[in-house]
Amino acid sequence: MATCGGYWGWSGCSHGMTSTSPRNLCAIDWVKVNKGGSTAEFAAHWNKIEKTLEAEPYHQASAAAREAKKKAAQS
């Protein structure tokens, strides 16, 4: 997960912007609600929800992104 100075800083970090892992997709949403949240706080959140229904939309979106990437590569 990309961090700047220990806190989320998407404007200064590009790592999380192109990754479509379920964790990173969740992080994009999480940081919108938890401005100034730390990576440790997000890690605790993700560890709590990773295997629950709350994380399912992120797993589905990640799978859809992988499929879209495969189709684009075949074109």
PDB file of N, CA and C in Angstrom:
ATOM      1  N   MET A   1       0.834  -1.165   0.000  1.00  0.00           N
ATOM      2  CA  MET A   1       0.000   0.000   0.000  1.00  0.00           C
ATOM      3  C   MET A   1       0.882   1.233   0.000  1.00  0.00           C
ATOM      4  N   ALA A   2       0.567   2.179  -0.816  1.00  0.00           N
ATOM      5  CA  ALA A   2       1.367   3.387  -0.917  1.00  0.00           C
ATOM      6  C   ALA A   2       1.106   4.317   0.255  1.00  0.00           C
ATOM      7  N   THR A   3       2.171   4.859   0.796  1.00  0.00           N
ATOM      8  CA  THR A   3       2.007   5.841   1.860  1.00  0.00           C
ATOM      9  C   THR A   3       2.993   6.963   1.645  1.00  0.00           C
ATOM     10  N   CYS A   4       2.698   8.081   2.233  1.00  0.00           N
ATOM     11  CA  CYS A   4       3.618   9.215   2.246  1.00  0.00           C
ATOM     12  C   CYS A   4       3.734   9.667   3.689  1.00  0.00           C
ATOM     13  N   GLY A   5       4.892   9.535   4.255  1.00  0.00           N
ATOM     14  CA  GLY A   5       5.082   9.967   5.628  1.00  0.00           C
ATOM     15  C   GLY A   5       4.234   9.210   6.639  1.00  0.00           C
ATOM     16  N   GLY A   6       3.830   7.991   6.302  1.00  0.00           N
ATOM     17  CA  GLY A   6       3.046   7.211   7.238  1.00  0.00           C
ATOM     18  C   GLY A   6       1.547   7.433   7.131  1.00  0.00           C
ATOM     19  N   TYR A   7       1.125   8.395   6.337  1.00  0.00           N
ATOM     20  CA  TYR A   7      -0.289   8.662   6.149  1.00  0.00           C
ATOM     21  C   TYR A   7      -0.623   8.567   4.679  1.00  0.00           C
ATOM     22  N   TRP A   8      -1.895   8.337   4.407  1.00  0.00           N
ATOM     23  CA  TRP A   8      -2.336   8.240   3.012  1.00  0.00           C
ATOM     24  C   TRP A   8      -2.085   9.571   2.340  1.00  0.00           C
ATOM     25  N   GLY A   9      -1.517   9.529   1.156  1.00  0.00           N
ATOM     26  CA  GLY A   9      -1.250  10.755   0.416  1.00  0.00           C
ATOM     27  C   GLY A   9      -1.280  10.471  -1.061  1.00  0.00           C
ATOM     28  N   TRP A  10      -2.451  10.206  -1.613  1.00  0.00           N
ATOM     29  CA  TRP A  10      -2.543   9.800  -3.016  1.00  0.00           C
ATOM     30  C   TRP A  10      -1.948  10.826  -3.958  1.00  0.00           C
ATOM     31  N   SER A  11      -2.036  12.113  -3.612  1.00  0.00           N
ATOM     32  CA  SER A  11      -1.508  13.114  -4.536  1.00  0.00           C
ATOM     33  C   SER A  11      -0.003  12.986  -4.699  1.00  0.00           C
ATOM     34  N   GLY A  12       0.678  12.519  -3.674  1.00  0.00           N
ATOM     35  CA  GLY A  12       2.119  12.383  -3.758  1.00  0.00           C
ATOM     36  C   GLY A  12       2.588  10.979  -4.068  1.00  0.00           C
ATOM     37  N   CYS A  13       1.684  10.021  -4.086  1.00  0.00           N
ATOM     38  CA  CYS A  13       2.043   8.627  -4.309  1.00  0.00           C
ATOM     39  C   CYS A  13       1.171   8.052  -5.404  1.00  0.00           C
ATOM     40  N   SER A  14       1.774   7.290  -6.281  1.00  0.00           N
ATOM     41  CA  SER A  14       1.001   6.757  -7.400  1.00  0.00           C
ATOM     42  C   SER A  14       0.721   5.267  -7.288  1.00  0.00           C
ATOM     43  N   HIS A  15       1.299   4.578  -6.320  1.00  0.00           N
ATOM     44  CA  HIS A  15       1.189   3.117  -6.273  1.00  0.00           C
ATOM     45  C   HIS A  15      -0.239   2.605  -6.259  1.00  0.00           C
ATOM     46  N   GLY A  16      -1.087   3.145  -5.419  1.00  0.00           N
ATOM     47  CA  GLY A  16      -2.432   2.627  -5.266  1.00  0.00           C
ATOM     48  C   GLY A  16      -3.377   3.005  -6.386  1.00  0.00           C
ATOM     49  N   MET A  17      -2.956   3.865  -7.272  1.00  0.00           N
ATOM     50  CA  MET A  17      -3.867   4.395  -8.271  1.00  0.00           C
ATOM     51  C   MET A  17      -4.118   3.439  -9.427  1.00  0.00           C
ATOM     52  N   THR A  18      -3.220   2.535  -9.707  1.00  0.00           N
ATOM     53  CA  THR A  18      -3.425   1.642 -10.846  1.00  0.00           C
ATOM     54  C   THR A  18      -3.637   0.195 -10.440  1.00  0.00           C
ATOM     55  N   SER A  19      -3.335  -0.154  -9.228  1.00  0.00           N
ATOM     56  CA  SER A  19      -3.523  -1.526  -8.779  1.00  0.00           C
ATOM     57  C   SER A  19      -5.000  -1.794  -8.558  1.00  0.00           C
ATOM     58  N   THR A  20      -5.438  -2.945  -9.017  1.00  0.00           N
ATOM     59  CA  THR A  20      -6.847  -3.295  -8.871  1.00  0.00           C
ATOM     60  C   THR A  20      -7.034  -4.497  -7.951  1.00  0.00           C
ATOM     61  N   SER A  21      -6.118  -4.667  -7.008  1.00  0.00           N
ATOM     62  CA  SER A  21      -6.305  -5.734  -6.025  1.00  0.00           C
ATOM     63  C   SER A  21      -7.494  -5.360  -5.143  1.00  0.00           C
ATOM     64  N   PRO A  22      -8.169  -6.345  -4.582  1.00  0.00           N
ATOM     65  CA  PRO A  22      -9.282  -6.021  -3.690  1.00  0.00           C
ATOM     66  C   PRO A  22      -8.858  -5.075  -2.562  1.00  0.00           C
ATOM     67  N   ARG A  23      -7.682  -5.313  -2.015  1.00  0.00           N
ATOM     68  CA  ARG A  23      -7.188  -4.468  -0.922  1.00  0.00           C
ATOM     69  C   ARG A  23      -7.022  -3.019  -1.376  1.00  0.00           C
ATOM     70  N   ASN A  24      -6.432  -2.818  -2.538  1.00  0.00           N
ATOM     71  CA  ASN A  24      -6.217  -1.452  -3.004  1.00  0.00           C
ATOM     72  C   ASN A  24      -7.518  -0.770  -3.396  1.00  0.00           C
ATOM     73  N   LEU A  25      -8.455  -1.516  -3.955  1.00  0.00           N
ATOM     74  CA  LEU A  25      -9.751  -0.925  -4.275  1.00  0.00           C
ATOM     75  C   LEU A  25     -10.461  -0.496  -2.993  1.00  0.00           C
ATOM     76  N   CYS A  26     -10.360  -1.296  -1.969  1.00  0.00           N
ATOM     77  CA  CYS A  26     -10.926  -0.937  -0.675  1.00  0.00           C
ATOM     78  C   CYS A  26     -10.219   0.301  -0.113  1.00  0.00           C
ATOM     79  N   ALA A  27      -8.912   0.339  -0.247  1.00  0.00           N
ATOM     80  CA  ALA A  27      -8.141   1.472   0.277  1.00  0.00           C
ATOM     81  C   ALA A  27      -8.568   2.781  -0.364  1.00  0.00           C
ATOM     82  N   ILE A  28      -8.860   2.749  -1.654  1.00  0.00           N
ATOM     83  CA  ILE A  28      -9.293   3.964  -2.342  1.00  0.00           C
ATOM     84  C   ILE A  28     -10.569   4.494  -1.699  1.00  0.00           C
ATOM     85  N   ASP A  29     -11.516   3.604  -1.417  1.00  0.00           N
ATOM     86  CA  ASP A  29     -12.751   4.028  -0.754  1.00  0.00           C
ATOM     87  C   ASP A  29     -12.497   4.432   0.695  1.00  0.00           C
ATOM     88  N   TRP A  30     -11.674   3.658   1.391  1.00  0.00           N
ATOM     89  CA  TRP A  30     -11.425   3.898   2.806  1.00  0.00           C
ATOM     90  C   TRP A  30     -10.801   5.266   3.044  1.00  0.00           C
ATOM     91  N   VAL A  31      -9.857   5.640   2.214  1.00  0.00           N
ATOM     92  CA  VAL A  31      -9.150   6.908   2.430  1.00  0.00           C
ATOM     93  C   VAL A  31     -10.071   8.108   2.200  1.00  0.00           C
ATOM     94  N   LYS A  32     -11.099   7.946   1.391  1.00  0.00           N
ATOM     95  CA  LYS A  32     -12.062   9.038   1.177  1.00  0.00           C
ATOM     96  C   LYS A  32     -12.819   9.350   2.460  1.00  0.00           C
ATOM     97  N   VAL A  33     -13.069   8.335   3.259  1.00  0.00           N
ATOM     98  CA  VAL A  33     -13.832   8.489   4.495  1.00  0.00           C
ATOM     99  C   VAL A  33     -12.918   8.729   5.695  1.00  0.00           C
ATOM    100  N   ASN A  34     -11.696   8.266   5.612  1.00  0.00           N
ATOM    101  CA  ASN A  34     -10.760   8.323   6.739  1.00  0.00           C
ATOM    102  C   ASN A  34      -9.547   9.174   6.394  1.00  0.00           C
ATOM    103  N   LYS A  35      -9.791  10.403   6.014  1.00  0.00           N
ATOM    104  CA  LYS A  35      -8.694  11.303   5.642  1.00  0.00           C
ATOM    105  C   LYS A  35      -7.699  11.411   6.802  1.00  0.00           C
ATOM    106  N   GLY A  36      -6.434  11.257   6.480  1.00  0.00           N
ATOM    107  CA  GLY A  36      -5.400  11.304   7.511  1.00  0.00           C
ATOM    108  C   GLY A  36      -5.207   9.985   8.243  1.00  0.00           C
ATOM    109  N   GLY A  37      -5.957   8.961   7.830  1.00  0.00           N
ATOM    110  CA  GLY A  37      -5.805   7.653   8.466  1.00  0.00           C
ATOM    111  C   GLY A  37      -4.449   7.045   8.137  1.00  0.00           C
ATOM    112  N   SER A  38      -3.957   6.257   9.045  1.00  0.00           N
ATOM    113  CA  SER A  38      -2.637   5.647   8.847  1.00  0.00           C
ATOM    114  C   SER A  38      -2.742   4.307   8.133  1.00  0.00           C
ATOM    115  N   THR A  39      -1.620   3.843   7.645  1.00  0.00           N
ATOM    116  CA  THR A  39      -1.594   2.528   7.004  1.00  0.00           C
ATOM    117  C   THR A  39      -1.945   1.445   8.013  1.00  0.00           C
ATOM    118  N   ALA A  40      -1.540   1.622   9.252  1.00  0.00           N
ATOM    119  CA  ALA A  40      -1.871   0.640  10.292  1.00  0.00           C
ATOM    120  C   ALA A  40      -3.381   0.591  10.516  1.00  0.00           C
ATOM    121  N   GLU A  41      -4.020   1.745  10.496  1.00  0.00           N
ATOM    122  CA  GLU A  41      -5.479   1.785  10.660  1.00  0.00           C
ATOM    123  C   GLU A  41      -6.171   1.092   9.495  1.00  0.00           C
ATOM    124  N   PHE A  42      -5.687   1.361   8.279  1.00  0.00           N
ATOM    125  CA  PHE A  42      -6.302   0.686   7.137  1.00  0.00           C
ATOM    126  C   PHE A  42      -6.036  -0.813   7.192  1.00  0.00           C
ATOM    127  N   ALA A  43      -4.822  -1.205   7.530  1.00  0.00           N
ATOM    128  CA  ALA A  43      -4.493  -2.634   7.606  1.00  0.00           C
ATOM    129  C   ALA A  43      -5.419  -3.341   8.591  1.00  0.00           C
ATOM    130  N   ALA A  44      -5.686  -2.705   9.718  1.00  0.00           N
ATOM    131  CA  ALA A  44      -6.595  -3.297  10.702  1.00  0.00           C
ATOM    132  C   ALA A  44      -7.997  -3.418  10.115  1.00  0.00           C
ATOM    133  N   HIS A  45      -8.429  -2.388   9.401  1.00  0.00           N
ATOM    134  CA  HIS A  45      -9.751  -2.427   8.756  1.00  0.00           C
ATOM    135  C   HIS A  45      -9.817  -3.561   7.737  1.00  0.00           C
ATOM    136  N   TRP A  46      -8.822  -3.630   6.861  1.00  0.00           N
ATOM    137  CA  TRP A  46      -8.833  -4.666   5.817  1.00  0.00           C
ATOM    138  C   TRP A  46      -8.768  -6.065   6.431  1.00  0.00           C
ATOM    139  N   ASN A  47      -7.915  -6.242   7.420  1.00  0.00           N
ATOM    140  CA  ASN A  47      -7.811  -7.555   8.067  1.00  0.00           C
ATOM    141  C   ASN A  47      -9.140  -7.975   8.694  1.00  0.00           C
ATOM    142  N   LYS A  48      -9.884  -6.999   9.177  1.00  0.00           N
ATOM    143  CA  LYS A  48     -11.185  -7.279   9.793  1.00  0.00           C
ATOM    144  C   LYS A  48     -12.230  -7.697   8.750  1.00  0.00           C
ATOM    145  N   ILE A  49     -12.204  -7.063   7.567  1.00  0.00           N
ATOM    146  CA  ILE A  49     -13.275  -7.310   6.586  1.00  0.00           C
ATOM    147  C   ILE A  49     -12.896  -8.253   5.456  1.00  0.00           C
ATOM    148  N   GLU A  50     -11.621  -8.542   5.290  1.00  0.00           N
ATOM    149  CA  GLU A  50     -11.127  -9.264   4.110  1.00  0.00           C
ATOM    150  C   GLU A  50     -11.923 -10.518   3.775  1.00  0.00           C
ATOM    151  N   LYS A  51     -12.304 -11.275   4.744  1.00  0.00           N
ATOM    152  CA  LYS A  51     -13.000 -12.543   4.492  1.00  0.00           C
ATOM    153  C   LYS A  51     -14.486 -12.464   4.837  1.00  0.00           C
ATOM    154  N   THR A  52     -15.044 -11.255   4.778  1.00  0.00           N
ATOM    155  CA  THR A  52     -16.460 -11.070   5.086  1.00  0.00           C
ATOM    156  C   THR A  52     -17.197 -10.568   3.848  1.00  0.00           C
ATOM    157  N   LEU A  53     -18.507 -10.500   3.956  1.00  0.00           N
ATOM    158  CA  LEU A  53     -19.316  -9.985   2.847  1.00  0.00           C
ATOM    159  C   LEU A  53     -19.023  -8.517   2.556  1.00  0.00           C
ATOM    160  N   GLU A  54     -18.537  -7.789   3.536  1.00  0.00           N
ATOM    161  CA  GLU A  54     -18.207  -6.378   3.331  1.00  0.00           C
ATOM    162  C   GLU A  54     -17.118  -6.201   2.272  1.00  0.00           C
ATOM    163  N   ALA A  55     -16.230  -7.168   2.145  1.00  0.00           N
ATOM    164  CA  ALA A  55     -15.143  -7.087   1.169  1.00  0.00           C
ATOM    165  C   ALA A  55     -15.541  -7.643  -0.195  1.00  0.00           C
ATOM    166  N   GLU A  56     -16.661  -8.325  -0.281  1.00  0.00           N
ATOM    167  CA  GLU A  56     -17.059  -8.980  -1.528  1.00  0.00           C
ATOM    168  C   GLU A  56     -17.110  -8.036  -2.733  1.00  0.00           C
ATOM    169  N   PRO A  57     -17.644  -6.815  -2.603  1.00  0.00           N
ATOM    170  CA  PRO A  57     -17.642  -5.920  -3.770  1.00  0.00           C
ATOM    171  C   PRO A  57     -16.234  -5.627  -4.301  1.00  0.00           C
ATOM    172  N   TYR A  58     -15.259  -5.581  -3.410  1.00  0.00           N
ATOM    173  CA  TYR A  58     -13.877  -5.328  -3.826  1.00  0.00           C
ATOM    174  C   TYR A  58     -13.288  -6.540  -4.541  1.00  0.00           C
ATOM    175  N   HIS A  59     -13.619  -7.734  -4.067  1.00  0.00           N
ATOM    176  CA  HIS A  59     -13.162  -8.953  -4.739  1.00  0.00           C
ATOM    177  C   HIS A  59     -13.805  -9.064  -6.125  1.00  0.00           C
ATOM    178  N   GLN A  60     -15.082  -8.727  -6.225  1.00  0.00           N
ATOM    179  CA  GLN A  60     -15.771  -8.784  -7.515  1.00  0.00           C
ATOM    180  C   GLN A  60     -15.227  -7.736  -8.484  1.00  0.00           C
ATOM    181  N   ALA A  61     -15.015  -6.523  -7.993  1.00  0.00           N
ATOM    182  CA  ALA A  61     -14.480  -5.462  -8.849  1.00  0.00           C
ATOM    183  C   ALA A  61     -13.070  -5.801  -9.323  1.00  0.00           C
ATOM    184  N   SER A  62     -12.285  -6.408  -8.463  1.00  0.00           N
ATOM    185  CA  SER A  62     -10.930  -6.807  -8.833  1.00  0.00           C
ATOM    186  C   SER A  62     -10.957  -7.873  -9.923  1.00  0.00           C
ATOM    187  N   ALA A  63     -11.832  -8.861  -9.763  1.00  0.00           N
ATOM    188  CA  ALA A  63     -11.951  -9.919 -10.775  1.00  0.00           C
ATOM    189  C   ALA A  63     -12.414  -9.337 -12.105  1.00  0.00           C
ATOM    190  N   ALA A  64     -13.359  -8.411 -12.062  1.00  0.00           N
ATOM    191  CA  ALA A  64     -13.845  -7.777 -13.293  1.00  0.00           C
ATOM    192  C   ALA A  64     -12.730  -6.980 -13.967  1.00  0.00           C
ATOM    193  N   ALA A  65     -11.915  -6.311 -13.178  1.00  0.00           N
ATOM    194  CA  ALA A  65     -10.802  -5.541 -13.735  1.00  0.00           C
ATOM    195  C   ALA A  65      -9.773  -6.460 -14.387  1.00  0.00           C
ATOM    196  N   ARG A  66      -9.513  -7.615 -13.761  1.00  0.00           N
ATOM    197  CA  ARG A  66      -8.574  -8.584 -14.356  1.00  0.00           C
ATOM    198  C   ARG A  66      -9.102  -9.081 -15.695  1.00  0.00           C
ATOM    199  N   GLU A  67     -10.389  -9.389 -15.749  1.00  0.00           N
ATOM    200  CA  GLU A  67     -10.994  -9.864 -17.003  1.00  0.00           C
ATOM    201  C   GLU A  67     -10.930  -8.790 -18.081  1.00  0.00           C
ATOM    202  N   ALA A  68     -11.223  -7.558 -17.718  1.00  0.00           N
ATOM    203  CA  ALA A  68     -11.166  -6.456 -18.682  1.00  0.00           C
ATOM    204  C   ALA A  68      -9.746  -6.272 -19.203  1.00  0.00           C
ATOM    205  N   LYS A  69      -8.780  -6.416 -18.317  1.00  0.00           N
ATOM    206  CA  LYS A  69      -7.375  -6.278 -18.719  1.00  0.00           C
ATOM    207  C   LYS A  69      -6.993  -7.393 -19.694  1.00  0.00           C
ATOM    208  N   LYS A  70      -7.456  -8.626 -19.425  1.00  0.00           N
ATOM    209  CA  LYS A  70      -7.179  -9.744 -20.335  1.00  0.00           C
ATOM    210  C   LYS A  70      -7.786  -9.493 -21.708  1.00  0.00           C
ATOM    211  N   LYS A  71      -9.033  -9.038 -21.730  1.00  0.00           N
ATOM    212  CA  LYS A  71      -9.708  -8.768 -23.000  1.00  0.00           C
ATOM    213  C   LYS A  71      -9.004  -7.664 -23.773  1.00  0.00           C
ATOM    214  N   ALA A  72      -8.569  -6.639 -23.069  1.00  0.00           N
ATOM    215  CA  ALA A  72      -7.868  -5.533 -23.721  1.00  0.00           C
ATOM    216  C   ALA A  72      -6.545  -6.007 -24.314  1.00  0.00           C
ATOM    217  N   ALA A  73      -5.874  -6.915 -23.626  1.00  0.00           N
ATOM    218  CA  ALA A  73      -4.592  -7.431 -24.111  1.00  0.00           C
ATOM    219  C   ALA A  73      -4.776  -8.305 -25.347  1.00  0.00           C
ATOM    220  N   GLN A  74      -5.937  -8.928 -25.472  1.00  0.00           N
ATOM    221  CA  GLN A  74      -6.210  -9.794 -26.618  1.00  0.00           C
ATOM    222  C   GLN A  74      -6.616  -9.000 -27.856  1.00  0.00           C
ATOM    223  N   SER A  75      -7.000  -7.766 -27.665  1.00  0.00           N
ATOM    224  CA  SER A  75      -7.459  -6.944 -28.802  1.00  0.00           C
ATOM    225  C   SER A  75      -6.318  -6.420 -29.627  1.00  0.00           C
TER     226      SER A  75
END
